[in-house]
Amino acid sequence: MLALPRQNTVQLLSNLPATPSTGAYGTRATGSASTNTKGSWTQVNASLPFDSYGFWIAIAGTATSGTLTDALLDIGIGGSGSEVVLVPDLLAGWAGTPTQGPRQLWIPIFIPKDTRVAVRCQGQTAPETIDVMFFFRGGRPDMRGELFSGCDAYGVTSSGASTGVSHTPGITGAESSWASLGSALSRDYGAVLLLVQGAASTTENAIAYHFEVGISSTTLAEWYWMGNTGEYLVGPVPPEAASLSLPSGSQLQVRAEASGTSQAHDVAAYCFY
């Protein structure tokens, strides 16, 4: 039997602290002293030592019992003072502590060697703080499927709020009606990720949700989310974008169903090009 050759090109680079902690990890982004206002950029890595063929990010520490914790996180690249947003306005609120389980996402964007990476945030609490852990993946570009150069957000409200489009899932397994999600697509895309933030009230129900993204009332992809009475959400499952052909001018839609009495949640779509 022929043996496959060993590949020594796969590397993982993280921003893990030197000592493990159950209270915080990675890099802490801090928002402005004013609510719903972006803070300064915080460096994650000064210069990537290899080409990164996509990366994992874990988001934690925004949830607070009995509190609306909607928040947005930008991932940027470039020198200090010259950062360019690479992934805009990720819904980052209602994320549990590290011990409760962070929100984990695979971001299929290529970042070249020697690039500086940074984060910044905003939220309904001030100053907002978000703990983020990165794992940059080296290796071959074919190891994780399609890779992209950037991302656009649809459905996000960043001015005066840190929210997405409010949508109420159907009750006890019934689908809600399709609803538009943001404006029509401004360009062609090759993948989409749907993210969800907590209920409009300060009491999250401990029930399961299926959130779907579609076009022309046809389902294109679906993700699982779980609410928790500690006012945090677990998801998405799977933690990655769905590879789809999304033509410019199309209108994204969302619908959802719940395992019990549903609540309105914020939803936003992240489209990769």
Protein backbone atom coordinates (compact mmCIF):
# COMPACT_ATOMS: atom_id res chain seq x y z
CA MET A 1 0.00 0.00 0.00
CA LEU A 2 1.32 3.41 -0.94
CA ALA A 3 1.70 5.82 1.97
CA LEU A 4 0.70 9.44 1.58
CA PRO A 5 3.65 11.81 1.95
CA ARG A 6 3.82 13.71 5.22
CA GLN A 7 2.91 17.37 5.02
CA ASN A 8 4.96 19.64 7.25
CA THR A 9 3.39 22.87 5.99
CA VAL A 10 0.47 23.12 8.41
CA GLN A 11 1.10 25.58 11.21
CA LEU A 12 -1.12 27.09 13.89
CA LEU A 13 -0.27 30.43 15.45
CA SER A 14 -2.37 31.64 18.39
CA ASN A 15 -2.55 34.61 20.75
CA LEU A 16 -2.89 32.37 23.81
CA PRO A 17 -1.55 33.92 27.03
CA ALA A 18 1.51 32.37 28.64
CA THR A 19 -0.59 31.06 31.54
CA PRO A 20 -4.06 29.48 31.05
CA SER A 21 -6.95 31.40 32.58
CA THR A 22 -10.63 30.58 33.14
CA GLY A 23 -11.53 34.25 33.33
CA ALA A 24 -9.94 35.73 30.22
CA TYR A 25 -7.79 34.68 27.32
CA GLY A 26 -6.22 35.87 24.10
CA THR A 27 -6.61 39.57 23.37
CA ARG A 28 -9.10 41.94 25.00
CA ALA A 29 -10.74 44.52 22.73
CA THR A 30 -12.10 47.58 24.57
CA GLY A 31 -14.77 49.90 23.19
CA SER A 32 -15.21 53.61 23.67
CA ALA A 33 -16.40 55.15 26.93
CA SER A 34 -19.56 56.03 24.95
CA THR A 35 -22.09 53.30 24.15
CA ASN A 36 -22.26 51.90 20.60
CA THR A 37 -19.03 53.64 19.63
CA LYS A 38 -15.91 51.88 18.32
CA GLY A 39 -12.87 51.94 20.55
CA SER A 40 -9.22 52.00 19.50
CA TRP A 41 -7.59 49.10 17.70
CA THR A 42 -5.87 46.48 19.87
CA GLN A 43 -3.07 44.42 18.33
CA VAL A 44 -3.51 40.65 18.06
CA ASN A 45 -0.31 39.89 16.16
CA ALA A 46 2.41 42.31 15.04
CA SER A 47 3.46 40.36 11.95
CA LEU A 48 2.23 36.95 10.83
CA PRO A 49 5.26 34.66 10.31
CA PHE A 50 3.54 32.74 7.48
CA ASP A 51 0.65 33.03 5.03
CA SER A 52 -2.60 32.31 6.88
CA TYR A 53 -5.07 30.22 4.90
CA GLY A 54 -8.09 31.18 7.01
CA PHE A 55 -8.29 31.40 10.79
CA TRP A 56 -10.37 30.42 13.80
CA ILE A 57 -11.65 33.06 16.18
CA ALA A 58 -13.27 32.47 19.57
CA ILE A 59 -15.31 35.28 21.18
CA ALA A 60 -16.10 35.33 24.91
CA GLY A 61 -17.00 37.45 27.90
CA THR A 62 -19.78 39.78 26.73
CA ALA A 63 -22.81 38.15 28.41
CA THR A 64 -24.15 39.56 31.70
CA SER A 65 -27.22 38.26 33.51
CA GLY A 66 -30.26 40.52 33.19
CA THR A 67 -28.52 42.86 30.75
CA LEU A 68 -28.75 43.67 27.04
CA THR A 69 -25.21 43.00 25.81
CA ASP A 70 -25.40 43.59 22.06
CA ALA A 71 -21.89 44.22 20.71
CA LEU A 72 -19.97 44.39 17.43
CA LEU A 73 -16.39 43.33 16.69
CA ASP A 74 -14.17 44.43 13.78
CA ILE A 75 -11.15 42.43 12.63
CA GLY A 76 -8.60 44.61 10.87
CA ILE A 77 -5.20 44.43 9.20
CA GLY A 78 -2.46 46.98 8.64
CA GLY A 79 -0.01 49.13 10.56
CA SER A 80 -0.89 50.95 13.74
CA GLY A 81 -3.01 53.96 12.84
CA SER A 82 -3.60 52.64 9.30
CA GLU A 83 -5.81 49.63 9.98
CA VAL A 84 -8.25 48.46 7.31
CA VAL A 85 -11.35 46.50 8.32
CA LEU A 86 -11.12 42.94 7.04
CA VAL A 87 -14.25 41.50 8.74
CA PRO A 88 -16.78 44.17 9.78
CA ASP A 89 -19.24 44.27 12.67
CA LEU A 90 -19.37 40.64 13.80
CA LEU A 91 -22.28 40.16 16.21
CA ALA A 92 -20.30 39.53 19.40
CA GLY A 93 -22.77 40.17 22.21
CA TRP A 94 -24.41 37.53 24.41
CA ALA A 95 -21.22 35.44 24.39
CA GLY A 96 -20.47 33.41 27.54
CA THR A 97 -17.32 33.25 29.62
CA PRO A 98 -14.48 30.93 28.58
CA THR A 99 -15.78 28.25 30.97
CA GLN A 100 -19.31 28.54 29.51
CA GLY A 101 -17.94 28.04 26.01
CA PRO A 102 -16.83 30.80 23.62
CA ARG A 103 -18.46 31.60 20.29
CA GLN A 104 -16.20 29.90 17.75
CA LEU A 105 -16.05 30.84 14.07
CA TRP A 106 -13.98 29.71 11.10
CA ILE A 107 -13.22 32.75 8.91
CA PRO A 108 -12.24 31.65 5.36
CA ILE A 109 -10.11 34.68 4.47
CA PHE A 110 -6.49 34.58 3.31
CA ILE A 111 -4.05 36.87 5.16
CA PRO A 112 -0.52 37.17 3.75
CA LYS A 113 2.70 36.76 5.67
CA ASP A 114 4.07 39.82 7.56
CA THR A 115 0.56 41.28 8.05
CA ARG A 116 -0.36 42.94 11.36
CA VAL A 117 -3.79 41.90 12.76
CA ALA A 118 -5.87 43.93 15.23
CA VAL A 119 -9.40 44.11 16.68
CA ARG A 120 -11.77 46.82 17.93
CA CYS A 121 -15.30 46.78 19.30
CA GLN A 122 -18.40 48.66 20.44
CA GLY A 123 -21.44 47.72 22.49
CA GLN A 124 -24.47 48.72 24.52
CA THR A 125 -22.39 48.66 27.69
CA ALA A 126 -19.54 51.15 27.99
CA PRO A 127 -16.75 50.56 27.82
CA GLU A 128 -17.46 47.26 26.09
CA THR A 129 -14.84 44.52 26.50
CA ILE A 130 -14.57 41.40 24.34
CA ASP A 131 -12.02 38.62 24.75
CA VAL A 132 -10.91 37.11 21.45
CA MET A 133 -8.68 34.14 20.72
CA PHE A 134 -7.19 33.61 17.24
CA PHE A 135 -5.68 30.53 15.63
CA PHE A 136 -4.10 31.41 12.28
CA ARG A 137 -3.71 28.41 10.01
CA GLY A 138 -0.75 27.98 7.71
CA GLY A 139 -0.35 25.30 5.07
CA ARG A 140 -1.83 24.81 1.63
CA PRO A 141 -4.80 26.84 0.33
CA ASP A 142 -6.71 23.67 -0.60
CA MET A 143 -6.82 22.32 2.95
CA ARG A 144 -9.98 24.18 4.05
CA GLY A 145 -11.84 24.58 0.78
CA GLU A 146 -12.52 28.00 -0.68
CA LEU A 147 -10.72 31.05 0.64
CA PHE A 148 -11.65 34.69 0.16
CA SER A 149 -10.09 38.15 0.33
CA GLY A 150 -12.77 40.01 2.29
CA CYS A 151 -16.20 40.14 3.87
CA ASP A 152 -19.27 42.42 3.89
CA ALA A 153 -21.93 42.56 6.62
CA TYR A 154 -25.67 42.73 5.89
CA GLY A 155 -28.35 43.65 8.41
CA VAL A 156 -26.08 45.31 10.99
CA THR A 157 -27.01 48.57 12.73
CA SER A 158 -23.81 50.09 14.11
CA SER A 159 -24.82 53.75 14.46
CA GLY A 160 -26.62 54.35 17.76
CA ALA A 161 -26.92 50.60 18.34
CA SER A 162 -24.89 47.41 18.04
CA THR A 163 -27.58 45.16 16.62
CA GLY A 164 -28.73 43.18 13.62
CA VAL A 165 -32.18 42.74 12.09
CA SER A 166 -34.76 41.73 14.71
CA HIS A 167 -36.42 38.42 13.84
CA THR A 168 -38.79 36.25 15.87
CA PRO A 169 -38.57 32.49 15.18
CA GLY A 170 -41.69 30.38 14.89
CA ILE A 171 -42.97 28.70 18.04
CA THR A 172 -42.40 25.02 18.89
CA GLY A 173 -41.08 23.84 15.54
CA ALA A 174 -43.14 26.13 13.30
CA GLU A 175 -41.16 28.16 10.78
CA SER A 176 -41.45 31.94 10.84
CA SER A 177 -42.22 33.81 7.63
CA TRP A 178 -39.30 34.79 5.43
CA ALA A 179 -38.03 38.34 6.11
CA SER A 180 -35.50 40.49 4.26
CA LEU A 181 -32.03 40.64 5.78
CA GLY A 182 -30.32 43.93 5.03
CA SER A 183 -30.07 45.55 1.61
CA ALA A 184 -29.69 43.77 -1.74
CA LEU A 185 -26.24 42.24 -2.30
CA SER A 186 -23.78 44.79 -3.65
CA ARG A 187 -21.52 42.24 -5.39
CA ASP A 188 -21.16 38.51 -6.11
CA TYR A 189 -20.24 36.34 -3.10
CA GLY A 190 -19.03 32.78 -2.61
CA ALA A 191 -20.06 32.06 0.99
CA VAL A 192 -22.34 33.32 3.76
CA LEU A 193 -22.36 33.03 7.56
CA LEU A 194 -25.41 33.87 9.70
CA LEU A 195 -24.84 35.19 13.24
CA VAL A 196 -27.36 35.75 16.04
CA GLN A 197 -27.43 37.92 19.17
CA GLY A 198 -29.65 37.66 22.22
CA ALA A 199 -33.30 38.36 22.87
CA ALA A 200 -34.67 41.88 22.89
CA SER A 201 -35.56 41.33 26.55
CA THR A 202 -33.01 40.74 29.32
CA THR A 203 -34.20 37.18 29.95
CA GLU A 204 -32.98 34.59 27.45
CA ASN A 205 -34.97 31.35 27.28
CA ALA A 206 -33.12 28.00 27.41
CA ILE A 207 -34.44 26.69 24.10
CA ALA A 208 -32.96 25.63 20.75
CA TYR A 209 -33.22 27.48 17.44
CA HIS A 210 -32.68 26.77 13.75
CA PHE A 211 -31.87 29.93 11.75
CA GLU A 212 -31.95 29.74 7.94
CA VAL A 213 -30.69 32.05 5.23
CA GLY A 214 -32.36 32.05 1.83
CA ILE A 215 -33.09 33.86 -1.41
CA SER A 216 -36.55 34.00 -3.04
CA SER A 217 -38.02 32.10 -0.06
CA THR A 218 -35.75 29.13 -0.72
CA THR A 219 -33.47 27.84 2.04
CA LEU A 220 -29.77 27.94 1.18
CA ALA A 221 -28.21 27.06 4.55
CA GLU A 222 -29.17 26.48 8.20
CA TRP A 223 -27.42 26.79 11.58
CA TYR A 224 -28.23 25.63 15.12
CA TRP A 225 -28.21 28.00 18.12
CA MET A 226 -29.02 27.44 21.80
CA GLY A 227 -30.19 30.03 24.33
CA ASN A 228 -29.27 29.95 28.01
CA THR A 229 -30.89 31.58 31.03
CA GLY A 230 -27.50 33.07 31.91
CA GLU A 231 -28.18 35.44 28.97
CA TYR A 232 -25.69 33.89 26.60
CA LEU A 233 -26.04 32.02 23.29
CA VAL A 234 -24.21 28.91 22.11
CA GLY A 235 -23.64 28.66 18.37
CA PRO A 236 -23.48 28.69 15.47
CA VAL A 237 -23.29 24.98 14.67
CA PRO A 238 -21.55 24.38 12.32
CA PRO A 239 -19.19 27.25 13.17
CA GLU A 240 -18.44 28.24 9.60
CA ALA A 241 -19.82 29.85 6.46
CA ALA A 242 -21.78 27.91 3.85
CA SER A 243 -20.16 27.91 0.40
CA LEU A 244 -22.81 29.26 -1.97
CA SER A 245 -23.06 31.27 -5.15
CA LEU A 246 -24.76 34.54 -4.19
CA PRO A 247 -25.25 36.86 -7.19
CA SER A 248 -25.11 40.63 -6.95
CA GLY A 249 -28.55 42.23 -6.61
CA SER A 250 -30.07 39.28 -4.74
CA GLN A 251 -32.01 39.90 -1.52
CA LEU A 252 -30.98 37.73 1.42
CA GLN A 253 -33.78 36.49 3.69
CA VAL A 254 -33.98 34.88 7.11
CA ARG A 255 -36.44 32.59 8.84
CA ALA A 256 -36.21 30.47 11.98
CA GLU A 257 -37.94 28.01 14.29
CA ALA A 258 -37.68 27.40 18.04
CA SER A 259 -38.10 24.36 20.26
CA GLY A 260 -40.47 26.29 22.56
CA THR A 261 -41.82 29.80 23.06
CA SER A 262 -39.56 31.93 20.90
CA GLN A 263 -38.13 35.40 21.42
CA ALA A 264 -36.99 38.08 18.99
CA HIS A 265 -33.26 37.90 18.25
CA ASP A 266 -30.83 40.03 16.24
CA VAL A 267 -29.60 38.44 13.02
CA ALA A 268 -26.91 39.51 10.53
CA ALA A 269 -25.30 37.90 7.49
CA TYR A 270 -21.59 37.95 6.60
CA CYS A 271 -20.86 37.43 2.91
CA PHE A 272 -17.39 36.51 1.65
CA TYR A 273 -15.86 37.60 -1.66
